[in-house]
Amino acid sequence: MFKFTGKVLSLSAAALFASTVISSADSMDDLVKAAKAEGQLTTIALPHDWCGYGAVIDAFKAKYPEIKINELNPDAGSGDEVEAIKANKDNKGPQAPDVIDVGLSFGPTAKADGLLMPYKVSTWDSIPDSAKDADGAWYGDYYGVLSFMVNKDLVKESPTDWADLLKPEFANAVALAGDPRASNQAIQAVYASGLSSGAAAGEAAGTAGLDFFKKLNAAGNFVPVVGKPATLAQGQTPILINWDYNALAGRDTLKGNPPVDVIVPKTGVVAGVYVQAISAFAPHPNAAKLWMEYLYSDEGQIGWLKGYCHPIRFNDLAKNGKIPADVLAKLPPAESYASAVFPTLEEQGKAKETISKNWDATVGANVK
């Protein structure tokens, strides 16, 4: 399902990198003790309504009450997270993130820049090889597909595909859930629209996606606001393009006020994998490692699934009968995902570069 590629280290560099990887499987007690001694974990860009993170964070706090969680900038994009590591290399204060959760293409580049600390969780072997860095620098955590979240009070007939968004009845209605110059979610949305037009994967789809949003903006349908369930409910962004898990969680939060449709488009169904990593300059490295152990445990993975994300160990959990039936019942029907494509790392990298660098010149909408 995944076909990722990455840079190859020289033999000596690879050996040095691998030697720093710590296997915690035999030393969990020591790790817990060391993490409790540090007493804090600093996260960044983890909105509580994203992927069930609110409940996941609360469960970690309950399990390890001695560790305070310092949450930085919940609405930051993947690029902002990486920049936060760079900006705080020599800073052990509260603004230095210990861990990041970023779009797939940001993992290898952060590794290449020497920003990540390799670490392999005790459930490492059940993470698909194609969704993790062999040296343990980054590892897939969950995935979803791009969808349309629709305010049914304002939009009577929901769009079913990307081309529908150009219709005149959707004037001042369509928004992204991030800035496509920095947000992986927004970049992947632009990319998906390009694939829907028939463009080839990679740079071509990125360029086609920019052209699509140029038309959307010229038609007056694009709203240059970072959309959220609140802006959707208020009518500022009646159609919001976001990951299915964010749309479904937002629908639940709004509780029918307004009623919400969540539509997986017919074409250009792009699945996005996010990855976890520990900062090479983490002020609380043991707390960071313990956080990863929790996220990749059965409990942590099911916590994400309750937030409508497909955790990276989903197949392993399903095979071993670990997923509660009531959780499975709340997920969208499997056929919605039948045509989903998982862009390779190379395709994502080319699309990211094309979209983030050319958005201003091509589309000219300052999303904020």
Protein backbone atom coordinates (compact mmCIF):
# COMPACT_ATOMS: atom_id res chain seq x y z
CA MET A 1 0.00 0.00 0.00
CA PHE A 2 2.83 2.40 0.82
CA LYS A 3 5.75 3.00 -1.50
CA PHE A 4 8.06 5.44 0.20
CA THR A 5 11.64 6.28 -0.70
CA GLY A 6 14.30 8.08 1.29
CA LYS A 7 17.88 9.26 1.17
CA VAL A 8 20.59 6.68 1.74
CA LEU A 9 23.25 7.50 4.33
CA SER A 10 26.90 6.68 3.81
CA LEU A 11 27.99 3.46 5.51
CA SER A 12 29.86 5.24 8.30
CA ALA A 13 27.05 7.76 8.87
CA ALA A 14 24.44 5.03 8.92
CA ALA A 15 26.42 3.05 11.46
CA LEU A 16 26.77 6.12 13.67
CA PHE A 17 23.06 6.89 13.34
CA ALA A 18 22.00 3.32 14.15
CA SER A 19 24.26 3.20 17.19
CA THR A 20 22.24 5.97 18.84
CA VAL A 21 18.95 4.06 18.54
CA ILE A 22 17.75 2.85 21.91
CA SER A 23 15.43 -0.13 22.15
CA SER A 24 13.14 0.38 25.11
CA ALA A 25 11.55 -3.05 25.02
CA ASP A 26 13.88 -4.31 27.76
CA SER A 27 13.97 -1.13 29.83
CA MET A 28 10.47 0.32 30.16
CA ASP A 29 10.76 0.63 33.94
CA ASP A 30 13.96 2.65 33.56
CA LEU A 31 12.40 4.79 30.86
CA VAL A 32 9.32 5.56 32.97
CA LYS A 33 11.54 6.47 35.93
CA ALA A 34 13.73 8.76 33.80
CA ALA A 35 10.71 10.42 32.16
CA LYS A 36 9.08 11.06 35.54
CA ALA A 37 12.33 12.62 36.75
CA GLU A 38 12.23 15.05 33.81
CA GLY A 39 8.66 15.88 34.76
CA GLN A 40 7.59 17.53 31.50
CA LEU A 41 6.83 16.88 27.84
CA THR A 42 6.54 19.71 25.32
CA THR A 43 4.31 19.04 22.32
CA ILE A 44 3.44 21.27 19.38
CA ALA A 45 0.62 21.48 16.82
CA LEU A 46 -1.75 19.01 18.51
CA PRO A 47 -5.31 20.42 18.42
CA HIS A 48 -7.52 18.44 20.80
CA ASP A 49 -10.11 17.87 18.06
CA TRP A 50 -7.50 16.47 15.65
CA CYS A 51 -7.38 12.68 15.51
CA GLY A 52 -8.74 12.32 19.04
CA TYR A 53 -5.66 14.00 20.51
CA GLY A 54 -7.60 15.57 23.39
CA ALA A 55 -8.52 12.15 24.78
CA VAL A 56 -5.08 10.73 23.95
CA ILE A 57 -3.33 13.52 25.87
CA ASP A 58 -5.71 13.13 28.82
CA ALA A 59 -5.08 9.37 28.90
CA PHE A 60 -1.30 9.91 28.94
CA LYS A 61 -1.66 12.42 31.78
CA ALA A 62 -3.77 9.95 33.75
CA LYS A 63 -1.23 7.20 33.20
CA TYR A 64 1.76 9.38 34.08
CA PRO A 65 0.47 12.24 36.30
CA GLU A 66 4.04 13.14 37.28
CA ILE A 67 4.68 14.40 33.73
CA LYS A 68 3.28 17.83 32.88
CA ILE A 69 2.38 18.37 29.21
CA ASN A 70 3.30 21.78 27.83
CA GLU A 71 1.29 22.29 24.63
CA LEU A 72 2.70 24.78 22.12
CA ASN A 73 0.74 26.41 19.27
CA PRO A 74 -2.02 23.82 18.64
CA ASP A 75 -2.85 25.30 15.23
CA ALA A 76 0.68 25.26 13.80
CA GLY A 77 1.41 23.52 10.47
CA SER A 78 4.08 20.90 9.81
CA GLY A 79 6.52 23.49 8.51
CA ASP A 80 6.05 25.54 11.68
CA GLU A 81 6.90 22.50 13.81
CA VAL A 82 10.19 21.92 12.02
CA GLU A 83 11.03 25.62 12.24
CA ALA A 84 10.34 25.49 15.99
CA ILE A 85 13.03 22.83 16.37
CA LYS A 86 15.49 24.89 14.33
CA ALA A 87 14.73 28.07 16.25
CA ASN A 88 15.22 26.39 19.63
CA LYS A 89 18.33 24.28 19.03
CA ASP A 90 20.16 25.99 21.87
CA ASN A 91 17.10 26.62 24.00
CA LYS A 92 16.07 24.19 26.71
CA GLY A 93 13.15 26.39 27.77
CA PRO A 94 9.40 25.90 27.36
CA GLN A 95 9.36 26.99 23.70
CA ALA A 96 11.52 24.06 22.57
CA PRO A 97 9.36 21.13 21.35
CA ASP A 98 10.33 17.61 22.40
CA VAL A 99 8.23 15.88 19.74
CA ILE A 100 6.59 16.65 16.42
CA ASP A 101 3.70 15.20 14.40
CA VAL A 102 4.19 16.22 10.76
CA GLY A 103 3.21 15.30 7.21
CA LEU A 104 5.21 12.47 5.68
CA SER A 105 7.42 14.60 3.44
CA PHE A 106 8.66 16.62 6.42
CA GLY A 107 10.19 13.57 8.16
CA PRO A 108 13.04 12.80 5.75
CA THR A 109 13.95 16.45 5.25
CA ALA A 110 14.10 17.02 9.01
CA LYS A 111 16.28 13.92 9.33
CA ALA A 112 18.58 15.14 6.56
CA ASP A 113 18.92 18.45 8.42
CA GLY A 114 19.99 16.64 11.59
CA LEU A 115 16.92 17.71 13.54
CA LEU A 116 15.65 14.30 14.71
CA MET A 117 16.65 11.84 17.42
CA PRO A 118 16.31 8.21 16.30
CA TYR A 119 14.21 5.99 18.53
CA LYS A 120 12.45 2.67 18.00
CA VAL A 121 9.37 1.94 20.09
CA SER A 122 8.79 -1.54 21.48
CA THR A 123 6.02 -2.19 18.90
CA TRP A 124 8.40 -1.20 16.07
CA ASP A 125 8.09 -4.49 14.19
CA SER A 126 4.31 -4.06 13.72
CA ILE A 127 4.75 -0.70 11.94
CA PRO A 128 4.93 -1.37 8.16
CA ASP A 129 8.52 -1.06 6.91
CA SER A 130 7.37 1.25 4.14
CA ALA A 131 5.93 3.70 6.68
CA LYS A 132 9.01 4.22 8.84
CA ASP A 133 12.61 5.31 8.59
CA ALA A 134 14.92 2.31 8.90
CA ASP A 135 17.12 4.17 11.37
CA GLY A 136 14.21 5.16 13.61
CA ALA A 137 14.33 8.89 12.86
CA TRP A 138 10.61 9.09 12.00
CA TYR A 139 7.68 6.66 11.83
CA GLY A 140 4.14 6.76 10.46
CA ASP A 141 1.43 7.29 13.06
CA TYR A 142 -1.96 7.51 11.27
CA TYR A 143 -3.59 8.33 7.96
CA GLY A 144 -6.84 9.59 6.45
CA VAL A 145 -8.18 10.91 3.15
CA LEU A 146 -9.10 14.44 2.04
CA SER A 147 -12.82 15.15 2.28
CA PHE A 148 -15.38 17.95 1.97
CA MET A 149 -16.98 19.03 5.24
CA VAL A 150 -20.25 20.78 4.34
CA ASN A 151 -22.59 23.07 6.30
CA LYS A 152 -25.98 21.71 5.20
CA ASP A 153 -27.87 24.76 6.45
CA LEU A 154 -26.08 26.84 3.81
CA VAL A 155 -25.25 24.27 1.11
CA LYS A 156 -28.34 22.37 0.00
CA GLU A 157 -26.62 20.10 -2.54
CA SER A 158 -23.20 18.91 -1.41
CA PRO A 159 -20.33 18.75 -3.93
CA THR A 160 -19.37 15.17 -4.75
CA ASP A 161 -16.11 15.81 -6.59
CA TRP A 162 -13.43 18.47 -6.95
CA ALA A 163 -14.79 19.93 -10.19
CA ASP A 164 -18.10 20.65 -8.44
CA LEU A 165 -16.37 23.26 -6.26
CA LEU A 166 -16.15 25.57 -9.30
CA LYS A 167 -19.94 25.82 -9.59
CA PRO A 168 -21.35 29.35 -9.15
CA GLU A 169 -23.60 28.27 -6.28
CA PHE A 170 -20.47 27.81 -4.17
CA ALA A 171 -19.43 31.48 -4.30
CA ASN A 172 -17.47 32.53 -1.16
CA ALA A 173 -17.86 29.03 0.23
CA VAL A 174 -14.72 26.90 -0.20
CA ALA A 175 -11.81 26.98 2.25
CA LEU A 176 -8.70 25.01 3.13
CA ALA A 177 -7.87 23.93 6.66
CA GLY A 178 -4.41 25.47 6.54
CA ASP A 179 -2.00 27.68 4.63
CA PRO A 180 -0.78 25.78 1.54
CA ARG A 181 2.61 27.41 1.90
CA ALA A 182 3.23 25.59 5.21
CA SER A 183 0.39 23.20 6.12
CA ASN A 184 0.65 19.58 4.96
CA GLN A 185 -3.14 19.19 5.10
CA ALA A 186 -3.59 22.15 2.74
CA ILE A 187 -0.75 21.07 0.44
CA GLN A 188 -2.28 17.61 0.09
CA ALA A 189 -5.69 19.15 -0.69
CA VAL A 190 -4.22 21.18 -3.55
CA TYR A 191 -2.39 18.06 -4.75
CA ALA A 192 -5.60 15.97 -4.63
CA SER A 193 -7.43 18.51 -6.80
CA GLY A 194 -4.61 18.21 -9.33
CA LEU A 195 -4.84 14.42 -9.40
CA SER A 196 -8.59 14.71 -9.90
CA SER A 197 -7.98 16.68 -13.10
CA GLY A 198 -6.07 13.72 -14.54
CA ALA A 199 -2.56 15.05 -13.98
CA ALA A 200 0.26 12.61 -13.33
CA ALA A 201 1.40 12.07 -9.75
CA GLY A 202 4.12 14.32 -8.38
CA GLU A 203 5.06 17.73 -9.75
CA ALA A 204 2.45 17.64 -12.52
CA ALA A 205 -0.40 17.11 -10.06
CA GLY A 206 1.00 19.89 -7.87
CA THR A 207 0.98 22.29 -10.83
CA ALA A 208 -2.51 21.19 -11.89
CA GLY A 209 -3.72 21.70 -8.33
CA LEU A 210 -2.39 25.25 -8.31
CA ASP A 211 -4.21 25.88 -11.60
CA PHE A 212 -7.43 24.52 -10.09
CA PHE A 213 -7.21 26.82 -7.07
CA LYS A 214 -6.35 29.74 -9.36
CA LYS A 215 -9.68 29.11 -11.12
CA LEU A 216 -11.46 28.64 -7.80
CA ASN A 217 -10.09 31.94 -6.55
CA ALA A 218 -10.84 33.79 -9.81
CA ALA A 219 -14.42 32.49 -9.70
CA GLY A 220 -14.86 34.00 -6.24
CA ASN A 221 -15.49 30.61 -4.67
CA PHE A 222 -12.29 30.40 -2.60
CA VAL A 223 -12.23 31.91 0.88
CA PRO A 224 -8.63 32.74 1.98
CA VAL A 225 -9.25 31.82 5.61
CA VAL A 226 -7.83 28.87 7.56
CA GLY A 227 -11.10 27.00 8.00
CA LYS A 228 -12.21 25.21 11.15
CA PRO A 229 -15.50 23.66 12.32
CA ALA A 230 -16.25 26.98 14.05
CA THR A 231 -15.86 29.01 10.85
CA LEU A 232 -17.95 26.42 9.01
CA ALA A 233 -20.72 26.68 11.61
CA GLN A 234 -20.61 30.49 11.51
CA GLY A 235 -21.01 30.46 7.73
CA GLN A 236 -17.61 32.00 6.97
CA THR A 237 -16.38 28.78 5.32
CA PRO A 238 -19.46 26.66 4.44
CA ILE A 239 -17.36 24.04 2.59
CA LEU A 240 -14.13 23.03 4.29
CA ILE A 241 -11.53 20.74 2.67
CA ASN A 242 -9.87 18.72 5.40
CA TRP A 243 -8.86 15.22 6.44
CA ASP A 244 -11.82 12.91 6.93
CA TYR A 245 -10.97 12.38 10.60
CA ASN A 246 -11.02 16.12 11.26
CA ALA A 247 -14.31 16.48 9.37
CA LEU A 248 -15.95 13.60 11.24
CA ALA A 249 -14.72 14.84 14.61
CA GLY A 250 -15.93 18.34 13.75
CA ARG A 251 -19.33 16.95 12.79
CA ASP A 252 -19.58 15.27 16.19
CA THR A 253 -18.51 18.44 17.99
CA LEU A 254 -21.18 20.54 16.27
CA LYS A 255 -23.88 18.02 17.27
CA GLY A 256 -26.23 18.86 14.41
CA ASN A 257 -25.95 22.63 14.78
CA PRO A 258 -25.55 23.00 11.88
CA PRO A 259 -26.10 19.59 10.25
CA VAL A 260 -22.91 18.48 8.48
CA ASP A 261 -22.16 16.30 5.47
CA VAL A 262 -18.76 14.64 5.14
CA ILE A 263 -18.07 13.74 1.51
CA VAL A 264 -15.13 11.71 0.21
CA PRO A 265 -14.76 12.93 -3.40
CA LYS A 266 -15.24 10.52 -6.29
CA THR A 267 -11.79 11.21 -7.75
CA GLY A 268 -8.52 12.56 -6.42
CA VAL A 269 -8.89 10.57 -3.19
CA VAL A 270 -5.54 11.21 -1.55
CA ALA A 271 -4.55 9.42 1.62
CA GLY A 272 -2.11 11.26 3.83
CA VAL A 273 0.26 9.63 6.28
CA TYR A 274 1.55 11.68 9.18
CA VAL A 275 4.72 10.81 11.09
CA GLN A 276 6.04 11.15 14.61
CA ALA A 277 9.57 12.12 15.55
CA ILE A 278 11.62 13.29 18.52
CA SER A 279 13.65 16.47 18.31
CA ALA A 280 17.41 15.93 18.33
CA PHE A 281 17.50 18.82 20.81
CA ALA A 282 14.60 17.67 23.00
CA PRO A 283 14.87 19.14 26.52
CA HIS A 284 12.98 16.10 27.83
CA PRO A 285 14.19 13.16 25.70
CA ASN A 286 13.01 10.41 28.03
CA ALA A 287 9.53 11.89 28.35
CA ALA A 288 9.51 12.12 24.56
CA LYS A 289 10.39 8.43 24.24
CA LEU A 290 7.73 7.46 26.78
CA TRP A 291 5.17 9.53 24.81
CA MET A 292 6.09 7.55 21.69
CA GLU A 293 5.76 4.28 23.59
CA TYR A 294 2.25 5.28 24.62
CA LEU A 295 1.21 6.46 21.14
CA TYR A 296 2.32 3.18 19.56
CA SER A 297 0.85 0.94 22.24
CA ASP A 298 -2.50 -0.73 21.54
CA GLU A 299 -4.17 1.81 23.82
CA GLY A 300 -2.65 4.81 22.06
CA GLN A 301 -3.38 3.48 18.59
CA ILE A 302 -7.03 2.79 19.44
CA GLY A 303 -7.19 6.30 20.92
CA TRP A 304 -6.42 7.70 17.46
CA LEU A 305 -8.94 5.35 15.88
CA LYS A 306 -11.63 6.70 18.20
CA GLY A 307 -10.75 10.07 16.69
CA TYR A 308 -11.51 8.61 13.21
CA CYS A 309 -7.85 8.23 12.20
CA HIS A 310 -6.58 4.95 10.81
CA PRO A 311 -3.58 4.23 13.06
CA ILE A 312 -0.47 2.90 11.36
CA ARG A 313 -0.76 -0.41 13.29
CA PHE A 314 -4.42 -0.79 12.21
CA ASN A 315 -3.86 -4.07 10.33
CA ASP A 316 -1.95 -5.58 13.24
CA LEU A 317 -4.64 -4.54 15.72
CA ALA A 318 -7.42 -5.87 13.48
CA LYS A 319 -5.63 -9.17 12.88
CA ASN A 320 -5.32 -9.71 16.62
CA GLY A 321 -8.91 -8.70 17.40
CA LYS A 322 -7.86 -5.66 19.43
CA ILE A 323 -10.31 -3.13 17.91
CA PRO A 324 -13.62 -2.66 19.77
CA ALA A 325 -16.67 -3.29 17.54
CA ASP A 326 -18.29 0.00 18.51
CA VAL A 327 -15.22 1.89 17.31
CA LEU A 328 -15.22 0.12 13.94
CA ALA A 329 -18.93 0.85 13.53
CA LYS A 330 -18.35 4.63 13.62
CA LEU A 331 -15.87 4.65 10.73
CA PRO A 332 -16.92 5.59 7.18
CA PRO A 333 -17.80 2.69 4.84
CA ALA A 334 -14.81 0.91 3.36
CA GLU A 335 -15.90 1.64 -0.22
CA SER A 336 -15.17 5.34 0.36
CA TYR A 337 -11.50 4.41 0.53
CA ALA A 338 -11.42 1.95 -2.37
CA SER A 339 -9.82 4.39 -4.82
CA ALA A 340 -7.52 6.09 -2.33
CA VAL A 341 -3.94 6.64 -3.45
CA PHE A 342 -0.94 6.88 -1.13
CA PRO A 343 1.56 9.25 -2.76
CA THR A 344 5.16 8.10 -2.56
CA LEU A 345 7.65 10.14 -0.60
CA GLU A 346 9.19 11.38 -3.83
CA GLU A 347 5.78 12.41 -5.22
CA GLN A 348 4.90 14.21 -2.01
CA GLY A 349 8.22 15.99 -1.94
CA LYS A 350 7.88 17.28 -5.50
CA ALA A 351 4.28 18.33 -4.97
CA LYS A 352 5.10 20.06 -1.69
CA GLU A 353 7.91 22.06 -3.28
CA THR A 354 5.80 23.01 -6.30
CA ILE A 355 2.75 24.05 -4.29
CA SER A 356 4.41 25.85 -1.38
CA LYS A 357 6.80 27.82 -3.59
CA ASN A 358 4.35 28.75 -6.35
CA TRP A 359 1.11 29.36 -4.45
CA ASP A 360 1.62 33.12 -4.18
CA ALA A 361 2.56 33.62 -7.83
CA THR A 362 -0.12 31.31 -9.23
CA VAL A 363 -3.11 31.64 -6.91
CA GLY A 364 -2.31 34.90 -5.16
CA ALA A 365 -4.54 34.31 -2.13
CA ASN A 366 -3.01 35.01 1.27
CA VAL A 367 -4.52 32.28 3.44
CA LYS A 368 -4.50 33.18 7.12
